[in-house]
Amino acid sequence: MNEKIIDSHCHLDMPAFDQDRQQVLENARIAGVMGFVVPGTTQASWQKILELATGEMDVYPALGLHPYFCAEHNTSQVGQLRSLVEMMRPVAIGEIGLDFFRPDLDQNLQMELFELQLQVAQDLELPVILHTRKAHDQVLKLLKKYPVRGGISHAFNGSWQQARQYMDMGFCLGFGGMLTYERSSKLRALATKLPLEHLVLETDAPDMPGAAHQYQRNSPEYLPEVLDILTEIRSESRQTIADVTTLNVCRVLTLPDRTRPVSDPQDA
């Protein structure tokens, strides 16, 4: 029997899934994936994500303006985001953050949009899903300025010291396909050392495929491969890692009780 796990970050709304979205969902469910958190990237993505979540009980929407697409954003969209979030109550504000890896992205606009969206999350008491590349210190500084209800630092690749700061603020750290590459020694060392209570599994599908699917479309059905590696490098059992990471997503994003694994102590 497959362990029940949640993909805490996948972009099922993307065009890459337009031809076989239902089959992808079904394959993932057969593989043991019991929930799919789908973060928004642009204003144009929000409605499609909400419609997908309305039609699928195990799909959970998040809405936000992704820093990677900042050229498509403007500050007036944050007001529209606030109105939509107040009405629809997604599980988080996201995917938001700072991407200083690419020099062509306007850092000042990114900072402005990030601060405005943190304010929305703070006002509406929602967690956030963070995208951070080469900008962890800046993100942490802004999180101290705008304390939010925790969330997930997606595709975490920062230092142990930065991880501690996120955890102290109530965040979980997302690990996905990059963990499956043997060359990811620093990432594996971090995933081994971190408290299990702060880890969540993710794919970032259709991007960031694991070692077995390099140069292919990534998919939520491959999430168990991340669990395989965590089981190899950590001391806990596969079932324990599956259960705890699932509970972590449910806790930090306040997902409905139906996503709790059967072995949850609350059921005892």
C-alpha atoms as a PDB file:
ATOM      1  CA  MET A   1       0.000   0.000   0.000  1.00  0.00           C
ATOM      2  CA  ASN A   2       1.321   3.444  -0.913  1.00  0.00           C
ATOM      3  CA  GLU A   3       1.965   5.901   1.893  1.00  0.00           C
ATOM      4  CA  LYS A   4      -0.351   8.927   1.785  1.00  0.00           C
ATOM      5  CA  ILE A   5       1.509  12.129   0.966  1.00  0.00           C
ATOM      6  CA  ILE A   6       0.701  15.664  -0.184  1.00  0.00           C
ATOM      7  CA  ASP A   7       2.337  17.586  -3.006  1.00  0.00           C
ATOM      8  CA  SER A   8       2.726  20.949  -1.284  1.00  0.00           C
ATOM      9  CA  HIS A   9       3.671  22.742  -4.514  1.00  0.00           C
ATOM     10  CA  CYS A  10       2.617  21.861  -8.062  1.00  0.00           C
ATOM     11  CA  HIS A  11       1.378  24.001 -10.950  1.00  0.00           C
ATOM     12  CA  LEU A  12      -1.384  21.798 -12.323  1.00  0.00           C
ATOM     13  CA  ASP A  13      -2.959  24.827 -13.985  1.00  0.00           C
ATOM     14  CA  MET A  14      -0.026  25.210 -16.387  1.00  0.00           C
ATOM     15  CA  PRO A  15      -0.527  24.550 -20.130  1.00  0.00           C
ATOM     16  CA  ALA A  16       1.881  21.594 -19.851  1.00  0.00           C
ATOM     17  CA  PHE A  17      -1.012  19.656 -18.296  1.00  0.00           C
ATOM     18  CA  ASP A  18      -3.820  20.810 -20.586  1.00  0.00           C
ATOM     19  CA  GLN A  19      -3.846  17.591 -22.626  1.00  0.00           C
ATOM     20  CA  ASP A  20      -3.883  15.057 -19.769  1.00  0.00           C
ATOM     21  CA  ARG A  21      -4.601  16.850 -16.474  1.00  0.00           C
ATOM     22  CA  GLN A  22      -7.180  14.309 -15.257  1.00  0.00           C
ATOM     23  CA  GLN A  23      -4.874  11.398 -16.057  1.00  0.00           C
ATOM     24  CA  VAL A  24      -2.011  13.083 -14.203  1.00  0.00           C
ATOM     25  CA  LEU A  25      -4.236  13.534 -11.159  1.00  0.00           C
ATOM     26  CA  GLU A  26      -5.414   9.930 -11.315  1.00  0.00           C
ATOM     27  CA  ASN A  27      -1.861   8.577 -11.695  1.00  0.00           C
ATOM     28  CA  ALA A  28      -0.732  10.654  -8.708  1.00  0.00           C
ATOM     29  CA  ARG A  29      -3.618   9.452  -6.549  1.00  0.00           C
ATOM     30  CA  ILE A  30      -2.780   5.839  -7.421  1.00  0.00           C
ATOM     31  CA  ALA A  31       0.813   6.589  -6.360  1.00  0.00           C
ATOM     32  CA  GLY A  32      -0.444   7.757  -2.942  1.00  0.00           C
ATOM     33  CA  VAL A  33      -0.669  11.524  -3.416  1.00  0.00           C
ATOM     34  CA  MET A  34      -3.727  12.598  -1.434  1.00  0.00           C
ATOM     35  CA  GLY A  35      -3.570  16.368  -1.936  1.00  0.00           C
ATOM     36  CA  PHE A  36      -2.249  18.957  -4.360  1.00  0.00           C
ATOM     37  CA  VAL A  37      -1.472  22.557  -3.409  1.00  0.00           C
ATOM     38  CA  VAL A  38      -1.525  24.713  -6.555  1.00  0.00           C
ATOM     39  CA  PRO A  39       0.027  28.189  -6.154  1.00  0.00           C
ATOM     40  CA  GLY A  40      -0.770  31.084  -8.462  1.00  0.00           C
ATOM     41  CA  THR A  41       1.879  32.763 -10.588  1.00  0.00           C
ATOM     42  CA  THR A  42       0.120  35.581 -12.447  1.00  0.00           C
ATOM     43  CA  GLN A  43      -3.248  37.286 -12.300  1.00  0.00           C
ATOM     44  CA  ALA A  44      -4.218  35.322 -15.419  1.00  0.00           C
ATOM     45  CA  SER A  45      -3.707  32.032 -13.537  1.00  0.00           C
ATOM     46  CA  TRP A  46      -6.008  32.715 -10.605  1.00  0.00           C
ATOM     47  CA  GLN A  47      -9.362  31.842 -12.146  1.00  0.00           C
ATOM     48  CA  LYS A  48      -8.099  28.590 -13.666  1.00  0.00           C
ATOM     49  CA  ILE A  49      -6.671  27.506 -10.316  1.00  0.00           C
ATOM     50  CA  LEU A  50      -9.907  28.303  -8.493  1.00  0.00           C
ATOM     51  CA  GLU A  51     -11.938  26.395 -11.077  1.00  0.00           C
ATOM     52  CA  LEU A  52      -9.606  23.409 -10.803  1.00  0.00           C
ATOM     53  CA  ALA A  53      -9.917  23.430  -7.007  1.00  0.00           C
ATOM     54  CA  THR A  54     -13.709  23.686  -7.244  1.00  0.00           C
ATOM     55  CA  GLY A  55     -13.837  20.593  -9.434  1.00  0.00           C
ATOM     56  CA  GLU A  56     -11.347  18.475  -7.467  1.00  0.00           C
ATOM     57  CA  MET A  57     -11.793  17.931  -3.728  1.00  0.00           C
ATOM     58  CA  ASP A  58      -8.077  17.230  -3.182  1.00  0.00           C
ATOM     59  CA  VAL A  59      -6.762  20.319  -5.016  1.00  0.00           C
ATOM     60  CA  TYR A  60      -6.049  23.337  -2.804  1.00  0.00           C
ATOM     61  CA  PRO A  61      -5.579  26.806  -4.331  1.00  0.00           C
ATOM     62  CA  ALA A  62      -3.123  29.520  -3.391  1.00  0.00           C
ATOM     63  CA  LEU A  63      -3.178  32.907  -5.106  1.00  0.00           C
ATOM     64  CA  GLY A  64      -0.296  35.288  -5.669  1.00  0.00           C
ATOM     65  CA  LEU A  65       2.044  37.107  -8.038  1.00  0.00           C
ATOM     66  CA  HIS A  66       5.250  35.145  -8.666  1.00  0.00           C
ATOM     67  CA  PRO A  67       8.437  37.279  -8.760  1.00  0.00           C
ATOM     68  CA  TYR A  68       9.700  35.437 -11.842  1.00  0.00           C
ATOM     69  CA  PHE A  69       6.862  36.990 -13.863  1.00  0.00           C
ATOM     70  CA  CYS A  70       7.158  40.488 -12.397  1.00  0.00           C
ATOM     71  CA  ALA A  71       7.180  42.045 -15.902  1.00  0.00           C
ATOM     72  CA  GLU A  72       3.527  40.908 -16.181  1.00  0.00           C
ATOM     73  CA  HIS A  73       2.530  42.364 -12.807  1.00  0.00           C
ATOM     74  CA  ASN A  74       1.588  45.784 -11.513  1.00  0.00           C
ATOM     75  CA  THR A  75       0.706  47.029  -8.059  1.00  0.00           C
ATOM     76  CA  SER A  76      -2.995  47.466  -8.887  1.00  0.00           C
ATOM     77  CA  GLN A  77      -3.245  43.676  -9.249  1.00  0.00           C
ATOM     78  CA  VAL A  78      -2.543  43.325  -5.531  1.00  0.00           C
ATOM     79  CA  GLY A  79      -5.813  45.110  -4.813  1.00  0.00           C
ATOM     80  CA  GLN A  80      -7.590  42.628  -7.074  1.00  0.00           C
ATOM     81  CA  LEU A  81      -5.776  39.817  -5.268  1.00  0.00           C
ATOM     82  CA  ARG A  82      -7.011  41.080  -1.910  1.00  0.00           C
ATOM     83  CA  SER A  83     -10.622  41.222  -3.103  1.00  0.00           C
ATOM     84  CA  LEU A  84     -10.489  37.732  -4.616  1.00  0.00           C
ATOM     85  CA  VAL A  85      -8.813  36.242  -1.553  1.00  0.00           C
ATOM     86  CA  GLU A  86     -11.408  37.800   0.760  1.00  0.00           C
ATOM     87  CA  MET A  87     -14.139  36.202  -1.332  1.00  0.00           C
ATOM     88  CA  MET A  88     -12.614  32.789  -2.129  1.00  0.00           C
ATOM     89  CA  ARG A  89     -10.327  32.144   0.892  1.00  0.00           C
ATOM     90  CA  PRO A  90      -7.510  30.126  -0.700  1.00  0.00           C
ATOM     91  CA  VAL A  91      -5.192  28.153   1.590  1.00  0.00           C
ATOM     92  CA  ALA A  92      -2.334  30.664   1.184  1.00  0.00           C
ATOM     93  CA  ILE A  93      -0.992  33.750  -0.538  1.00  0.00           C
ATOM     94  CA  GLY A  94       1.505  32.429  -3.035  1.00  0.00           C
ATOM     95  CA  GLU A  95       3.650  31.951  -4.873  1.00  0.00           C
ATOM     96  CA  ILE A  96       5.309  35.170  -3.761  1.00  0.00           C
ATOM     97  CA  GLY A  97       8.840  36.232  -2.889  1.00  0.00           C
ATOM     98  CA  LEU A  98      12.071  37.477  -4.436  1.00  0.00           C
ATOM     99  CA  ASP A  99      14.142  36.104  -7.303  1.00  0.00           C
ATOM    100  CA  PHE A 100      17.532  37.842  -7.421  1.00  0.00           C
ATOM    101  CA  PHE A 101      19.109  35.002  -9.405  1.00  0.00           C
ATOM    102  CA  ARG A 102      18.055  36.448 -12.748  1.00  0.00           C
ATOM    103  CA  PRO A 103      19.570  39.892 -13.402  1.00  0.00           C
ATOM    104  CA  ASP A 104      16.827  40.836 -15.885  1.00  0.00           C
ATOM    105  CA  LEU A 105      14.109  40.844 -13.213  1.00  0.00           C
ATOM    106  CA  ASP A 106      13.308  44.260 -11.692  1.00  0.00           C
ATOM    107  CA  GLN A 107      14.365  43.939  -8.050  1.00  0.00           C
ATOM    108  CA  ASN A 108      12.623  47.123  -6.929  1.00  0.00           C
ATOM    109  CA  LEU A 109       9.299  46.020  -8.406  1.00  0.00           C
ATOM    110  CA  GLN A 110       9.748  42.570  -6.874  1.00  0.00           C
ATOM    111  CA  MET A 111      10.307  44.112  -3.444  1.00  0.00           C
ATOM    112  CA  GLU A 112       7.269  46.363  -3.770  1.00  0.00           C
ATOM    113  CA  LEU A 113       4.981  43.539  -4.904  1.00  0.00           C
ATOM    114  CA  PHE A 114       6.304  41.203  -2.206  1.00  0.00           C
ATOM    115  CA  GLU A 115       5.720  43.730   0.567  1.00  0.00           C
ATOM    116  CA  LEU A 116       2.200  44.479  -0.662  1.00  0.00           C
ATOM    117  CA  GLN A 117       1.338  40.779  -0.798  1.00  0.00           C
ATOM    118  CA  LEU A 118       2.798  40.135   2.656  1.00  0.00           C
ATOM    119  CA  GLN A 119       0.501  42.912   3.887  1.00  0.00           C
ATOM    120  CA  VAL A 120      -2.486  41.111   2.328  1.00  0.00           C
ATOM    121  CA  ALA A 121      -1.456  37.842   3.997  1.00  0.00           C
ATOM    122  CA  GLN A 122      -0.974  39.615   7.320  1.00  0.00           C
ATOM    123  CA  ASP A 123      -4.309  41.442   7.144  1.00  0.00           C
ATOM    124  CA  LEU A 124      -6.254  38.346   6.099  1.00  0.00           C
ATOM    125  CA  GLU A 125      -4.374  36.019   8.471  1.00  0.00           C
ATOM    126  CA  LEU A 126      -3.212  33.627   5.778  1.00  0.00           C
ATOM    127  CA  PRO A 127       0.096  31.755   5.438  1.00  0.00           C
ATOM    128  CA  VAL A 128       2.367  32.396   2.460  1.00  0.00           C
ATOM    129  CA  ILE A 129       4.151  30.176  -0.066  1.00  0.00           C
ATOM    130  CA  LEU A 130       7.568  31.631  -0.790  1.00  0.00           C
ATOM    131  CA  HIS A 131       9.740  31.578  -3.890  1.00  0.00           C
ATOM    132  CA  THR A 132      13.273  32.661  -2.961  1.00  0.00           C
ATOM    133  CA  ARG A 133      16.404  32.565  -5.119  1.00  0.00           C
ATOM    134  CA  LYS A 134      19.603  34.289  -4.006  1.00  0.00           C
ATOM    135  CA  ALA A 135      17.489  36.429  -1.669  1.00  0.00           C
ATOM    136  CA  HIS A 136      16.886  34.560   1.604  1.00  0.00           C
ATOM    137  CA  ASP A 137      18.310  37.312   3.788  1.00  0.00           C
ATOM    138  CA  GLN A 138      16.135  39.948   2.099  1.00  0.00           C
ATOM    139  CA  VAL A 139      13.040  37.730   2.372  1.00  0.00           C
ATOM    140  CA  LEU A 140      13.685  37.013   6.046  1.00  0.00           C
ATOM    141  CA  LYS A 141      14.123  40.726   6.730  1.00  0.00           C
ATOM    142  CA  LEU A 142      10.745  41.505   5.147  1.00  0.00           C
ATOM    143  CA  LEU A 143       9.064  38.643   7.023  1.00  0.00           C
ATOM    144  CA  LYS A 144      10.209  40.270  10.255  1.00  0.00           C
ATOM    145  CA  LYS A 145       8.716  43.553   9.075  1.00  0.00           C
ATOM    146  CA  TYR A 146       5.435  41.874   8.072  1.00  0.00           C
ATOM    147  CA  PRO A 147       4.891  38.916  10.400  1.00  0.00           C
ATOM    148  CA  VAL A 148       2.552  36.413   8.740  1.00  0.00           C
ATOM    149  CA  ARG A 149       0.970  33.144   9.817  1.00  0.00           C
ATOM    150  CA  GLY A 150       3.936  31.058   8.704  1.00  0.00           C
ATOM    151  CA  GLY A 151       3.813  29.099   5.489  1.00  0.00           C
ATOM    152  CA  ILE A 152       6.195  27.183   3.233  1.00  0.00           C
ATOM    153  CA  SER A 153       9.581  28.179   1.864  1.00  0.00           C
ATOM    154  CA  HIS A 154       9.315  26.329  -1.431  1.00  0.00           C
ATOM    155  CA  ALA A 155      12.310  24.512  -2.969  1.00  0.00           C
ATOM    156  CA  PHE A 156      14.407  25.498   0.010  1.00  0.00           C
ATOM    157  CA  ASN A 157      18.114  25.831  -0.770  1.00  0.00           C
ATOM    158  CA  GLY A 158      19.342  28.200   1.916  1.00  0.00           C
ATOM    159  CA  SER A 159      21.716  27.672   4.810  1.00  0.00           C
ATOM    160  CA  TRP A 160      21.100  25.996   8.163  1.00  0.00           C
ATOM    161  CA  GLN A 161      21.070  29.433   9.820  1.00  0.00           C
ATOM    162  CA  GLN A 162      18.452  30.712   7.369  1.00  0.00           C
ATOM    163  CA  ALA A 163      16.416  27.538   7.839  1.00  0.00           C
ATOM    164  CA  ARG A 164      16.393  28.143  11.597  1.00  0.00           C
ATOM    165  CA  GLN A 165      15.022  31.634  11.085  1.00  0.00           C
ATOM    166  CA  TYR A 166      12.212  30.367   8.849  1.00  0.00           C
ATOM    167  CA  MET A 167      11.346  27.623  11.325  1.00  0.00           C
ATOM    168  CA  ASP A 168      11.278  30.124  14.190  1.00  0.00           C
ATOM    169  CA  MET A 169       8.690  32.099  12.182  1.00  0.00           C
ATOM    170  CA  GLY A 170       6.460  29.045  11.787  1.00  0.00           C
ATOM    171  CA  PHE A 171       7.541  28.003   8.296  1.00  0.00           C
ATOM    172  CA  CYS A 172       8.004  24.578   6.794  1.00  0.00           C
ATOM    173  CA  LEU A 173      10.681  23.979   4.175  1.00  0.00           C
ATOM    174  CA  GLY A 174       9.859  22.320   0.858  1.00  0.00           C
ATOM    175  CA  PHE A 175      12.026  19.606  -0.692  1.00  0.00           C
ATOM    176  CA  GLY A 176      11.490  18.177  -4.154  1.00  0.00           C
ATOM    177  CA  GLY A 177      13.173  16.710  -7.197  1.00  0.00           C
ATOM    178  CA  MET A 178      16.577  18.323  -6.604  1.00  0.00           C
ATOM    179  CA  LEU A 179      16.963  16.033  -3.587  1.00  0.00           C
ATOM    180  CA  THR A 180      16.994  12.991  -5.898  1.00  0.00           C
ATOM    181  CA  TYR A 181      20.262  14.012  -7.594  1.00  0.00           C
ATOM    182  CA  GLU A 182      23.361  12.506  -6.004  1.00  0.00           C
ATOM    183  CA  ARG A 183      25.248  15.733  -6.681  1.00  0.00           C
ATOM    184  CA  SER A 184      22.884  17.582  -4.291  1.00  0.00           C
ATOM    185  CA  SER A 185      25.103  16.758  -1.321  1.00  0.00           C
ATOM    186  CA  LYS A 186      24.595  20.046   0.550  1.00  0.00           C
ATOM    187  CA  LEU A 187      20.828  19.869   0.082  1.00  0.00           C
ATOM    188  CA  ARG A 188      20.740  16.263   1.266  1.00  0.00           C
ATOM    189  CA  ALA A 189      22.841  17.139   4.306  1.00  0.00           C
ATOM    190  CA  LEU A 190      20.371  19.883   5.198  1.00  0.00           C
ATOM    191  CA  ALA A 191      17.340  17.612   4.661  1.00  0.00           C
ATOM    192  CA  THR A 192      18.970  15.042   6.941  1.00  0.00           C
ATOM    193  CA  LYS A 193      19.653  17.534   9.729  1.00  0.00           C
ATOM    194  CA  LEU A 194      16.392  19.521   9.812  1.00  0.00           C
ATOM    195  CA  PRO A 195      13.603  18.568  12.245  1.00  0.00           C
ATOM    196  CA  LEU A 196      11.055  16.374  10.463  1.00  0.00           C
ATOM    197  CA  GLU A 197       8.282  18.601  11.856  1.00  0.00           C
ATOM    198  CA  HIS A 198       9.398  21.347   9.461  1.00  0.00           C
ATOM    199  CA  LEU A 199       9.743  19.363   6.221  1.00  0.00           C
ATOM    200  CA  VAL A 200       7.173  19.117   3.422  1.00  0.00           C
ATOM    201  CA  LEU A 201       7.305  17.295   0.087  1.00  0.00           C
ATOM    202  CA  GLU A 202       6.793  18.985  -3.271  1.00  0.00           C
ATOM    203  CA  THR A 203       7.360  18.528  -7.001  1.00  0.00           C
ATOM    204  CA  ASP A 204       7.025  22.050  -8.497  1.00  0.00           C
ATOM    205  CA  ALA A 205       5.570  20.207 -11.510  1.00  0.00           C
ATOM    206  CA  PRO A 206       5.873  20.692 -14.429  1.00  0.00           C
ATOM    207  CA  ASP A 207       9.297  22.128 -13.504  1.00  0.00           C
ATOM    208  CA  MET A 208      12.258  20.771 -11.485  1.00  0.00           C
ATOM    209  CA  PRO A 209      12.019  17.070 -12.429  1.00  0.00           C
ATOM    210  CA  GLY A 210      13.939  14.536 -10.367  1.00  0.00           C
ATOM    211  CA  ALA A 211      16.910  12.468 -11.485  1.00  0.00           C
ATOM    212  CA  ALA A 212      14.773   9.705 -13.000  1.00  0.00           C
ATOM    213  CA  HIS A 213      12.907  12.201 -15.204  1.00  0.00           C
ATOM    214  CA  GLN A 214      15.623  14.666 -16.180  1.00  0.00           C
ATOM    215  CA  TYR A 215      14.633  16.871 -19.164  1.00  0.00           C
ATOM    216  CA  GLN A 216      11.046  15.569 -18.969  1.00  0.00           C
ATOM    217  CA  ARG A 217       7.860  17.176 -17.717  1.00  0.00           C
ATOM    218  CA  ASN A 218       7.702  16.818 -13.951  1.00  0.00           C
ATOM    219  CA  SER A 219       4.494  15.446 -12.417  1.00  0.00           C
ATOM    220  CA  PRO A 220       2.921  15.022  -8.956  1.00  0.00           C
ATOM    221  CA  GLU A 221       2.913  11.259  -9.545  1.00  0.00           C
ATOM    222  CA  TYR A 222       6.701  11.335  -9.041  1.00  0.00           C
ATOM    223  CA  LEU A 223       6.402  12.701  -5.486  1.00  0.00           C
ATOM    224  CA  PRO A 224       7.070   9.272  -3.881  1.00  0.00           C
ATOM    225  CA  GLU A 225      10.595   9.465  -5.332  1.00  0.00           C
ATOM    226  CA  VAL A 226      11.310  12.405  -3.003  1.00  0.00           C
ATOM    227  CA  LEU A 227       9.991  10.319  -0.112  1.00  0.00           C
ATOM    228  CA  ASP A 228      12.343   7.501  -1.211  1.00  0.00           C
ATOM    229  CA  ILE A 229      15.404   9.732  -0.804  1.00  0.00           C
ATOM    230  CA  LEU A 230      14.295  11.145   2.545  1.00  0.00           C
ATOM    231  CA  THR A 231      13.821   7.562   3.756  1.00  0.00           C
ATOM    232  CA  GLU A 232      17.380   6.745   2.636  1.00  0.00           C
ATOM    233  CA  ILE A 233      19.044   9.725   4.301  1.00  0.00           C
ATOM    234  CA  ARG A 234      16.994  10.075   7.503  1.00  0.00           C
ATOM    235  CA  SER A 235      16.606   7.773  10.490  1.00  0.00           C
ATOM    236  CA  GLU A 236      12.788   7.690  10.573  1.00  0.00           C
ATOM    237  CA  SER A 237      10.730   5.059   8.772  1.00  0.00           C
ATOM    238  CA  ARG A 238       9.173   5.754   5.373  1.00  0.00           C
ATOM    239  CA  GLN A 239       5.698   5.673   6.964  1.00  0.00           C
ATOM    240  CA  THR A 240       6.684   8.156   9.660  1.00  0.00           C
ATOM    241  CA  ILE A 241       8.191  10.575   7.129  1.00  0.00           C
ATOM    242  CA  ALA A 242       5.082  10.290   4.957  1.00  0.00           C
ATOM    243  CA  ASP A 243       2.723  10.857   7.881  1.00  0.00           C
ATOM    244  CA  VAL A 244       4.622  13.739   9.470  1.00  0.00           C
ATOM    245  CA  THR A 245       5.264  15.640   6.234  1.00  0.00           C
ATOM    246  CA  THR A 246       1.587  15.279   5.362  1.00  0.00           C
ATOM    247  CA  LEU A 247       0.531  16.562   8.771  1.00  0.00           C
ATOM    248  CA  ASN A 248       2.984  19.443   8.393  1.00  0.00           C
ATOM    249  CA  VAL A 249       1.255  20.645   5.213  1.00  0.00           C
ATOM    250  CA  CYS A 250      -2.155  20.279   6.854  1.00  0.00           C
ATOM    251  CA  ARG A 251      -0.993  22.235   9.886  1.00  0.00           C
ATOM    252  CA  VAL A 252       0.819  25.099   8.205  1.00  0.00           C
ATOM    253  CA  LEU A 253      -1.839  25.631   5.503  1.00  0.00           C
ATOM    254  CA  THR A 254      -4.822  24.598   7.676  1.00  0.00           C
ATOM    255  CA  LEU A 255      -6.056  22.030   5.168  1.00  0.00           C
ATOM    256  CA  PRO A 256      -9.320  20.195   5.888  1.00  0.00           C
ATOM    257  CA  ASP A 257      -9.292  17.221   8.246  1.00  0.00           C
ATOM    258  CA  ARG A 258      -9.933  14.775   5.401  1.00  0.00           C
ATOM    259  CA  THR A 259      -6.261  15.062   4.438  1.00  0.00           C
ATOM    260  CA  ARG A 260      -5.022  13.726   7.779  1.00  0.00           C
ATOM    261  CA  PRO A 261      -3.421  10.282   7.502  1.00  0.00           C
ATOM    262  CA  VAL A 262      -5.209   7.458   9.303  1.00  0.00           C
ATOM    263  CA  SER A 263      -2.297   6.993  11.690  1.00  0.00           C
ATOM    264  CA  ASP A 264      -2.645  10.526  13.050  1.00  0.00           C
ATOM    265  CA  PRO A 265      -2.528  10.349  16.886  1.00  0.00           C
ATOM    266  CA  GLN A 266      -5.699  12.439  16.984  1.00  0.00           C
ATOM    267  CA  ASP A 267      -7.563   9.403  15.677  1.00  0.00           C
ATOM    268  CA  ALA A 268      -6.439   7.221  18.553  1.00  0.00           C
END
